[in-house]
Amino acid sequence: MKKFRIRYILLIILFCVLAFNDGNRTLCRRFFEQRKLQRDIVSAKHQNELLKRRIYYLENEPSYIERMVRNELNVLSPGEIEYRFTVKNDS
């Protein structure tokens, strides 16, 4: 029973030293900050690859430019008919 008490007391002391130590808290905070920054770097690399691909298509594919203009600016070419559908709400 005495060994159990000593271990329990040592465990509590160790926890208090680790939990209330400024250096340890700073280390944990920096660890989580580093993980967030690593995720941000991966996201930025992915976004960079998408933008590189888009630039390539813009420079080399004329049909891509036309498709972008149609999608983003809602432009119709001469002679095209635009169809619009309305949805009735039966409330």
C-alpha atoms as a PDB file:
ATOM      1  CA  MET A   1       0.000   0.000   0.000  1.00  0.00           C
ATOM      2  CA  LYS A   2       2.883   2.344   0.804  1.00  0.00           C
ATOM      3  CA  LYS A   3       4.475   1.831  -2.643  1.00  0.00           C
ATOM      4  CA  PHE A   4       1.165   2.704  -4.286  1.00  0.00           C
ATOM      5  CA  ARG A   5       0.942   5.959  -2.294  1.00  0.00           C
ATOM      6  CA  ILE A   6       4.504   6.929  -3.146  1.00  0.00           C
ATOM      7  CA  ARG A   7       3.918   6.254  -6.847  1.00  0.00           C
ATOM      8  CA  TYR A   8       0.660   8.202  -6.734  1.00  0.00           C
ATOM      9  CA  ILE A   9       2.333  11.170  -5.044  1.00  0.00           C
ATOM     10  CA  LEU A  10       5.268  11.087  -7.490  1.00  0.00           C
ATOM     11  CA  LEU A  11       2.831  10.971 -10.402  1.00  0.00           C
ATOM     12  CA  ILE A  12       0.955  14.014  -9.074  1.00  0.00           C
ATOM     13  CA  ILE A  13       4.215  15.909  -8.571  1.00  0.00           C
ATOM     14  CA  LEU A  14       5.399  15.027 -12.071  1.00  0.00           C
ATOM     15  CA  PHE A  15       2.076  16.157 -13.540  1.00  0.00           C
ATOM     16  CA  CYS A  16       2.242  19.462 -11.654  1.00  0.00           C
ATOM     17  CA  VAL A  17       5.807  20.091 -12.790  1.00  0.00           C
ATOM     18  CA  LEU A  18       4.916  19.405 -16.427  1.00  0.00           C
ATOM     19  CA  ALA A  19       1.574  21.210 -16.389  1.00  0.00           C
ATOM     20  CA  PHE A  20       2.668  24.362 -14.607  1.00  0.00           C
ATOM     21  CA  ASN A  21       6.053  24.737 -16.250  1.00  0.00           C
ATOM     22  CA  ASP A  22       6.079  27.708 -18.652  1.00  0.00           C
ATOM     23  CA  GLY A  23       8.661  26.096 -20.906  1.00  0.00           C
ATOM     24  CA  ASN A  24       6.605  22.939 -21.320  1.00  0.00           C
ATOM     25  CA  ARG A  25       3.423  24.872 -22.074  1.00  0.00           C
ATOM     26  CA  THR A  26       5.335  26.943 -24.635  1.00  0.00           C
ATOM     27  CA  LEU A  27       6.707  23.766 -26.197  1.00  0.00           C
ATOM     28  CA  CYS A  28       3.207  22.297 -26.545  1.00  0.00           C
ATOM     29  CA  ARG A  29       1.856  25.539 -27.976  1.00  0.00           C
ATOM     30  CA  ARG A  30       4.703  25.686 -30.520  1.00  0.00           C
ATOM     31  CA  PHE A  31       4.071  22.054 -31.472  1.00  0.00           C
ATOM     32  CA  PHE A  32       0.439  22.738 -32.350  1.00  0.00           C
ATOM     33  CA  GLU A  33       1.391  25.951 -34.128  1.00  0.00           C
ATOM     34  CA  GLN A  34       3.955  24.034 -36.208  1.00  0.00           C
ATOM     35  CA  ARG A  35       1.348  21.433 -37.193  1.00  0.00           C
ATOM     36  CA  LYS A  36      -1.037  24.195 -38.302  1.00  0.00           C
ATOM     37  CA  LEU A  37       1.696  25.863 -40.352  1.00  0.00           C
ATOM     38  CA  GLN A  38       2.580  22.549 -41.994  1.00  0.00           C
ATOM     39  CA  ARG A  39      -1.070  22.077 -43.005  1.00  0.00           C
ATOM     40  CA  ASP A  40      -1.079  25.639 -44.378  1.00  0.00           C
ATOM     41  CA  ILE A  41       2.051  24.870 -46.423  1.00  0.00           C
ATOM     42  CA  VAL A  42       0.469  21.747 -47.912  1.00  0.00           C
ATOM     43  CA  SER A  43      -2.665  23.720 -48.762  1.00  0.00           C
ATOM     44  CA  ALA A  44      -0.618  26.509 -50.372  1.00  0.00           C
ATOM     45  CA  LYS A  45       1.355  23.973 -52.450  1.00  0.00           C
ATOM     46  CA  HIS A  46      -1.879  22.413 -53.672  1.00  0.00           C
ATOM     47  CA  GLN A  47      -3.302  25.833 -54.555  1.00  0.00           C
ATOM     48  CA  ASN A  48      -0.038  26.694 -56.331  1.00  0.00           C
ATOM     49  CA  GLU A  49      -0.279  23.546 -58.481  1.00  0.00           C
ATOM     50  CA  LEU A  50      -3.865  24.373 -59.436  1.00  0.00           C
ATOM     51  CA  LEU A  51      -2.899  27.912 -60.408  1.00  0.00           C
ATOM     52  CA  LYS A  52       0.103  26.674 -62.437  1.00  0.00           C
ATOM     53  CA  ARG A  53      -2.189  24.313 -64.343  1.00  0.00           C
ATOM     54  CA  ARG A  54      -4.665  27.125 -64.945  1.00  0.00           C
ATOM     55  CA  ILE A  55      -1.894  29.424 -66.258  1.00  0.00           C
ATOM     56  CA  TYR A  56      -0.678  26.670 -68.571  1.00  0.00           C
ATOM     57  CA  TYR A  57      -4.155  26.202 -70.036  1.00  0.00           C
ATOM     58  CA  LEU A  58      -4.649  29.946 -70.368  1.00  0.00           C
ATOM     59  CA  GLU A  59      -1.421  30.246 -72.357  1.00  0.00           C
ATOM     60  CA  ASN A  60      -1.887  27.166 -74.537  1.00  0.00           C
ATOM     61  CA  GLU A  61      -5.611  26.399 -74.927  1.00  0.00           C
ATOM     62  CA  PRO A  62      -7.863  29.001 -76.570  1.00  0.00           C
ATOM     63  CA  SER A  63     -10.970  26.958 -75.766  1.00  0.00           C
ATOM     64  CA  TYR A  64     -10.115  27.204 -72.047  1.00  0.00           C
ATOM     65  CA  ILE A  65     -10.273  31.003 -72.194  1.00  0.00           C
ATOM     66  CA  GLU A  66     -13.665  30.819 -73.903  1.00  0.00           C
ATOM     67  CA  ARG A  67     -14.954  28.357 -71.299  1.00  0.00           C
ATOM     68  CA  MET A  68     -13.707  30.599 -68.457  1.00  0.00           C
ATOM     69  CA  VAL A  69     -15.397  33.666 -69.917  1.00  0.00           C
ATOM     70  CA  ARG A  70     -18.651  31.747 -70.347  1.00  0.00           C
ATOM     71  CA  ASN A  71     -18.609  30.368 -66.800  1.00  0.00           C
ATOM     72  CA  GLU A  72     -17.394  33.395 -64.873  1.00  0.00           C
ATOM     73  CA  LEU A  73     -18.959  36.244 -66.850  1.00  0.00           C
ATOM     74  CA  ASN A  74     -22.047  34.435 -68.199  1.00  0.00           C
ATOM     75  CA  VAL A  75     -21.308  35.531 -71.772  1.00  0.00           C
ATOM     76  CA  LEU A  76     -23.164  34.044 -74.728  1.00  0.00           C
ATOM     77  CA  SER A  77     -21.721  33.735 -78.191  1.00  0.00           C
ATOM     78  CA  PRO A  78     -23.706  35.241 -81.102  1.00  0.00           C
ATOM     79  CA  GLY A  79     -26.618  33.057 -82.152  1.00  0.00           C
ATOM     80  CA  GLU A  80     -26.876  31.131 -78.891  1.00  0.00           C
ATOM     81  CA  ILE A  81     -30.152  30.892 -77.016  1.00  0.00           C
ATOM     82  CA  GLU A  82     -30.193  31.069 -73.250  1.00  0.00           C
ATOM     83  CA  TYR A  83     -32.731  28.921 -71.468  1.00  0.00           C
ATOM     84  CA  ARG A  84     -33.851  29.830 -67.957  1.00  0.00           C
ATOM     85  CA  PHE A  85     -35.987  27.638 -65.795  1.00  0.00           C
ATOM     86  CA  THR A  86     -38.019  28.850 -62.846  1.00  0.00           C
ATOM     87  CA  VAL A  87     -38.832  26.649 -59.898  1.00  0.00           C
ATOM     88  CA  LYS A  88     -42.251  26.946 -58.285  1.00  0.00           C
ATOM     89  CA  ASN A  89     -42.429  26.682 -54.527  1.00  0.00           C
ATOM     90  CA  ASP A  90     -45.616  24.895 -53.456  1.00  0.00           C
ATOM     91  CA  SER A  91     -45.623  26.192 -49.910  1.00  0.00           C
END
